[in-house]
Protein backbone atom coordinates (compact mmCIF):
# COMPACT_ATOMS: atom_id res chain seq x y z
CA MET A 1 0.00 0.00 0.00
CA LYS A 2 1.21 3.52 -0.77
CA LYS A 3 2.38 5.78 2.02
CA PRO A 4 0.29 8.91 2.61
CA LEU A 5 1.59 11.99 0.85
CA ALA A 6 1.94 13.91 4.11
CA GLN A 7 4.78 11.62 5.15
CA ASN A 8 6.58 12.06 1.83
CA TRP A 9 6.42 15.85 1.67
CA PRO A 10 9.27 17.88 3.13
CA LYS A 11 8.51 19.13 6.61
CA PRO A 12 8.66 22.84 7.37
CA ASP A 13 11.44 23.94 9.71
CA LEU A 14 9.00 24.85 12.47
CA GLU A 15 7.32 21.44 12.38
CA THR A 16 10.71 19.75 12.58
CA LEU A 17 11.62 21.86 15.62
CA ASP A 18 8.27 21.05 17.26
CA ARG A 19 8.79 17.32 16.74
CA GLU A 20 12.29 17.46 18.24
CA ILE A 21 11.06 19.50 21.21
CA GLY A 22 8.20 17.04 21.72
CA SER A 23 10.59 14.11 21.67
CA ARG A 24 12.89 15.71 24.27
CA MET A 25 9.96 16.78 26.47
CA HIS A 26 8.52 13.28 26.34
CA ARG A 27 11.80 11.86 27.65
CA LEU A 28 11.96 14.53 30.35
CA SER A 29 8.39 13.91 31.53
CA ALA A 30 8.90 10.13 31.51
CA GLY A 31 12.02 10.47 33.65
CA ARG A 32 14.26 8.87 31.01
CA ALA A 33 16.13 12.02 29.97
CA SER A 34 19.83 12.55 30.22
CA ALA A 35 21.50 15.87 30.95
CA GLN A 36 22.18 16.17 27.23
CA ASP A 37 18.45 15.79 26.47
CA ALA A 38 17.67 18.61 28.89
CA SER A 39 20.25 20.96 27.40
CA GLU A 40 19.18 20.11 23.85
CA ALA A 41 15.54 20.75 24.76
CA SER A 42 16.49 24.18 26.11
CA LYS A 43 18.46 24.98 22.96
CA LEU A 44 15.60 23.83 20.71
CA ILE A 45 13.12 25.99 22.62
CA ARG A 46 15.39 29.03 22.21
CA ASP A 47 15.82 28.20 18.50
CA ARG A 48 12.05 27.99 18.05
CA ALA A 49 11.49 31.33 19.75
CA ASP A 50 14.18 32.90 17.59
CA PHE A 51 12.61 31.33 14.49
CA MET A 52 9.19 32.76 15.37
CA MET A 53 10.46 36.24 16.32
CA PRO A 54 13.88 36.75 14.72
CA GLY A 55 15.96 39.53 16.13
CA ILE A 56 13.86 40.28 19.22
CA PHE A 57 16.09 38.35 21.59
CA GLN A 58 19.22 39.85 20.07
CA ARG A 59 17.80 43.36 20.56
CA LEU A 60 16.83 42.61 24.14
CA SER A 61 20.26 41.23 24.99
CA THR A 62 22.13 44.11 23.34
CA GLY A 63 19.71 46.63 24.84
CA GLY A 64 20.48 45.33 28.33
CA GLN A 65 24.20 45.68 27.71
CA LYS A 66 23.82 49.28 26.56
CA LYS A 67 21.91 50.17 29.73
CA LYS A 68 24.63 48.68 31.93
CA ALA A 69 27.39 50.50 30.08
CA GLY A 70 25.59 53.88 30.13
């Protein structure tokens, strides 16, 4: 039997990130996660936020440094 087309089509970047985050969160909630899974989940969440709102986090981090210097 043929595979559904949805499985054959390329996945958007956001969907790929969501699947990876879901996989890591599932391991964390099941208690089977390693320290590497936790750090990768954190990185993926930051990547997703940056993908959704590019540049906002860079502006916030550079804005905080300007306030400290001034």
